[in-house]
Amino acid sequence: MTKDLDQVWKALSDPTRREILDLLRDGPRQTTEIVDDFPHLSRFGVMKHLDVLREAGLVNTRSEGRRRINSLNVAPIRQILERWISKYEAYWTNTLLRVKETAESEATPKKRSRTKRA
């Protein structure tokens, strides 16, 4: 599982690959549509990024005649969520609550007790 997640982390480390995943979040797309969304890259460059995403299991590709349809596979992202993010969620929630409580207590003016002098 760790080796599989290493490929996922590698795939997610590149901003272009994350942009491709963002495109696929809206639904499946043909490879040519993805290439068109990255005019600053060659077709070959986009295909290399798609290969990395496929190897990591983040993208599934099926052929329909001459067309290749790419779709998002969220299962590896879910594994990262379960393995890494959710385990630290409680820690950060508690830490943020303590920060909030401290900030609120320091922001609240302290009431001075007034005693009458005779």
C-alpha atoms as a PDB file:
ATOM      1  CA  MET A   1       0.000   0.000   0.000  1.00  0.00           C
ATOM      2  CA  THR A   2       2.845   2.411   0.811  1.00  0.00           C
ATOM      3  CA  LYS A   3       4.431   1.909  -2.614  1.00  0.00           C
ATOM      4  CA  ASP A   4       1.090   2.555  -4.298  1.00  0.00           C
ATOM      5  CA  LEU A   5       0.648   5.740  -2.279  1.00  0.00           C
ATOM      6  CA  ASP A   6       4.161   6.838  -3.223  1.00  0.00           C
ATOM      7  CA  GLN A   7       3.061   6.865  -6.858  1.00  0.00           C
ATOM      8  CA  VAL A   8      -0.036   8.839  -5.925  1.00  0.00           C
ATOM      9  CA  TRP A   9       2.006  11.429  -4.003  1.00  0.00           C
ATOM     10  CA  LYS A  10       4.402  11.708  -6.951  1.00  0.00           C
ATOM     11  CA  ALA A  11       1.508  12.207  -9.351  1.00  0.00           C
ATOM     12  CA  LEU A  12      -0.076  14.845  -7.117  1.00  0.00           C
ATOM     13  CA  SER A  13       3.220  16.718  -6.704  1.00  0.00           C
ATOM     14  CA  ASP A  14       2.969  18.287 -10.156  1.00  0.00           C
ATOM     15  CA  PRO A  15       0.649  21.296 -10.660  1.00  0.00           C
ATOM     16  CA  THR A  16      -0.197  20.320 -14.248  1.00  0.00           C
ATOM     17  CA  ARG A  17      -1.321  16.877 -13.144  1.00  0.00           C
ATOM     18  CA  ARG A  18      -3.440  18.429 -10.398  1.00  0.00           C
ATOM     19  CA  GLU A  19      -5.037  20.683 -13.027  1.00  0.00           C
ATOM     20  CA  ILE A  20      -5.821  17.630 -15.153  1.00  0.00           C
ATOM     21  CA  LEU A  21      -7.481  16.000 -12.149  1.00  0.00           C
ATOM     22  CA  ASP A  22      -9.475  19.195 -11.571  1.00  0.00           C
ATOM     23  CA  LEU A  23     -10.709  19.016 -15.174  1.00  0.00           C
ATOM     24  CA  LEU A  24     -11.714  15.392 -14.756  1.00  0.00           C
ATOM     25  CA  ARG A  25     -13.546  16.167 -11.533  1.00  0.00           C
ATOM     26  CA  ASP A  26     -16.214  17.776 -13.717  1.00  0.00           C
ATOM     27  CA  GLY A  27     -16.598  14.572 -15.707  1.00  0.00           C
ATOM     28  CA  PRO A  28     -14.827  12.315 -18.222  1.00  0.00           C
ATOM     29  CA  ARG A  29     -12.953  13.991 -21.078  1.00  0.00           C
ATOM     30  CA  GLN A  30     -11.378  12.895 -24.294  1.00  0.00           C
ATOM     31  CA  THR A  31      -7.608  13.111 -24.436  1.00  0.00           C
ATOM     32  CA  THR A  32      -7.837  15.747 -27.196  1.00  0.00           C
ATOM     33  CA  GLU A  33     -10.024  17.919 -24.945  1.00  0.00           C
ATOM     34  CA  ILE A  34      -7.435  17.718 -22.176  1.00  0.00           C
ATOM     35  CA  VAL A  35      -4.648  18.578 -24.627  1.00  0.00           C
ATOM     36  CA  ASP A  36      -6.649  21.607 -25.805  1.00  0.00           C
ATOM     37  CA  ASP A  37      -6.878  22.892 -22.217  1.00  0.00           C
ATOM     38  CA  PHE A  38      -3.068  23.061 -21.998  1.00  0.00           C
ATOM     39  CA  PRO A  39      -1.965  25.095 -25.034  1.00  0.00           C
ATOM     40  CA  HIS A  40       1.432  25.767 -23.450  1.00  0.00           C
ATOM     41  CA  LEU A  41       2.216  22.022 -23.520  1.00  0.00           C
ATOM     42  CA  SER A  42       2.708  19.671 -26.434  1.00  0.00           C
ATOM     43  CA  ARG A  43       0.352  16.752 -26.950  1.00  0.00           C
ATOM     44  CA  PHE A  44       3.245  14.496 -25.968  1.00  0.00           C
ATOM     45  CA  GLY A  45       3.728  16.439 -22.715  1.00  0.00           C
ATOM     46  CA  VAL A  46       0.070  16.096 -21.748  1.00  0.00           C
ATOM     47  CA  MET A  47       0.161  12.387 -22.620  1.00  0.00           C
ATOM     48  CA  LYS A  48       3.169  11.913 -20.310  1.00  0.00           C
ATOM     49  CA  HIS A  49       1.250  13.560 -17.470  1.00  0.00           C
ATOM     50  CA  LEU A  50      -1.756  11.333 -18.168  1.00  0.00           C
ATOM     51  CA  ASP A  51       0.530   8.273 -18.104  1.00  0.00           C
ATOM     52  CA  VAL A  52       1.806   9.220 -14.633  1.00  0.00           C
ATOM     53  CA  LEU A  53      -1.786   9.731 -13.434  1.00  0.00           C
ATOM     54  CA  ARG A  54      -2.809   6.355 -14.907  1.00  0.00           C
ATOM     55  CA  GLU A  55       0.142   4.551 -13.311  1.00  0.00           C
ATOM     56  CA  ALA A  56      -0.853   6.025  -9.948  1.00  0.00           C
ATOM     57  CA  GLY A  57      -4.417   4.822 -10.486  1.00  0.00           C
ATOM     58  CA  LEU A  58      -5.817   8.365 -10.427  1.00  0.00           C
ATOM     59  CA  VAL A  59      -7.102   8.256 -14.005  1.00  0.00           C
ATOM     60  CA  ASN A  60      -8.908   5.481 -15.843  1.00  0.00           C
ATOM     61  CA  THR A  61      -8.854   5.472 -19.636  1.00  0.00           C
ATOM     62  CA  ARG A  62     -11.147   3.567 -21.950  1.00  0.00           C
ATOM     63  CA  SER A  63     -11.125   3.441 -25.726  1.00  0.00           C
ATOM     64  CA  GLU A  64     -14.177   4.124 -27.845  1.00  0.00           C
ATOM     65  CA  GLY A  65     -13.032   3.538 -31.387  1.00  0.00           C
ATOM     66  CA  ARG A  66     -10.246   6.036 -31.960  1.00  0.00           C
ATOM     67  CA  ARG A  67     -11.226   8.163 -28.985  1.00  0.00           C
ATOM     68  CA  ARG A  68      -9.721   7.742 -25.535  1.00  0.00           C
ATOM     69  CA  ILE A  69     -11.962   8.776 -22.672  1.00  0.00           C
ATOM     70  CA  ASN A  70     -10.267   9.680 -19.387  1.00  0.00           C
ATOM     71  CA  SER A  71     -12.079   9.706 -16.067  1.00  0.00           C
ATOM     72  CA  LEU A  72     -11.108  10.451 -12.495  1.00  0.00           C
ATOM     73  CA  ASN A  73     -10.598   7.591 -10.045  1.00  0.00           C
ATOM     74  CA  VAL A  74     -10.876   8.997  -6.529  1.00  0.00           C
ATOM     75  CA  ALA A  75     -10.029   5.759  -4.708  1.00  0.00           C
ATOM     76  CA  PRO A  76      -6.299   6.568  -4.312  1.00  0.00           C
ATOM     77  CA  ILE A  77      -7.132  10.041  -3.016  1.00  0.00           C
ATOM     78  CA  ARG A  78      -9.499   8.424  -0.540  1.00  0.00           C
ATOM     79  CA  GLN A  79      -6.658   6.161   0.621  1.00  0.00           C
ATOM     80  CA  ILE A  80      -4.503   9.237   1.269  1.00  0.00           C
ATOM     81  CA  LEU A  81      -7.353  10.827   3.177  1.00  0.00           C
ATOM     82  CA  GLU A  82      -7.808   7.751   5.344  1.00  0.00           C
ATOM     83  CA  ARG A  83      -4.088   7.041   5.816  1.00  0.00           C
ATOM     84  CA  TRP A  84      -2.769  10.560   6.394  1.00  0.00           C
ATOM     85  CA  ILE A  85      -5.273  13.342   6.664  1.00  0.00           C
ATOM     86  CA  SER A  86      -7.943  11.816   8.893  1.00  0.00           C
ATOM     87  CA  LYS A  87      -5.362  10.672  11.455  1.00  0.00           C
ATOM     88  CA  TYR A  88      -4.190  14.235  11.976  1.00  0.00           C
ATOM     89  CA  GLU A  89      -7.609  15.846  11.773  1.00  0.00           C
ATOM     90  CA  ALA A  90      -8.373  15.455  15.497  1.00  0.00           C
ATOM     91  CA  TYR A  91      -4.975  16.881  16.439  1.00  0.00           C
ATOM     92  CA  TRP A  92      -5.462  19.991  14.295  1.00  0.00           C
ATOM     93  CA  THR A  93      -9.058  20.424  15.407  1.00  0.00           C
ATOM     94  CA  ASN A  94      -7.988  20.427  19.069  1.00  0.00           C
ATOM     95  CA  THR A  95      -5.072  22.746  18.352  1.00  0.00           C
ATOM     96  CA  LEU A  96      -7.255  25.207  16.462  1.00  0.00           C
ATOM     97  CA  LEU A  97      -9.861  25.165  19.234  1.00  0.00           C
ATOM     98  CA  ARG A  98      -7.167  26.015  21.799  1.00  0.00           C
ATOM     99  CA  VAL A  99      -5.928  28.876  19.610  1.00  0.00           C
ATOM    100  CA  LYS A 100      -9.492  30.154  19.230  1.00  0.00           C
ATOM    101  CA  GLU A 101     -10.160  29.972  22.968  1.00  0.00           C
ATOM    102  CA  THR A 102      -6.900  31.755  23.756  1.00  0.00           C
ATOM    103  CA  ALA A 103      -7.566  34.488  21.214  1.00  0.00           C
ATOM    104  CA  GLU A 104     -11.104  35.011  22.473  1.00  0.00           C
ATOM    105  CA  SER A 105     -10.033  35.143  26.106  1.00  0.00           C
ATOM    106  CA  GLU A 106      -7.323  37.704  25.329  1.00  0.00           C
ATOM    107  CA  ALA A 107      -9.692  39.790  23.205  1.00  0.00           C
ATOM    108  CA  THR A 108     -12.349  39.972  25.914  1.00  0.00           C
ATOM    109  CA  PRO A 109     -11.719  42.971  28.176  1.00  0.00           C
ATOM    110  CA  LYS A 110     -11.309  41.912  31.740  1.00  0.00           C
ATOM    111  CA  LYS A 111     -13.745  43.444  34.159  1.00  0.00           C
ATOM    112  CA  ARG A 112     -12.241  45.301  37.046  1.00  0.00           C
ATOM    113  CA  SER A 113     -13.932  45.062  40.330  1.00  0.00           C
ATOM    114  CA  ARG A 114     -14.838  48.480  41.612  1.00  0.00           C
ATOM    115  CA  THR A 115     -14.879  49.153  45.280  1.00  0.00           C
ATOM    116  CA  LYS A 116     -16.297  52.318  46.718  1.00  0.00           C
ATOM    117  CA  ARG A 117     -14.017  54.420  48.790  1.00  0.00           C
ATOM    118  CA  ALA A 118     -15.515  56.103  51.772  1.00  0.00           C
END
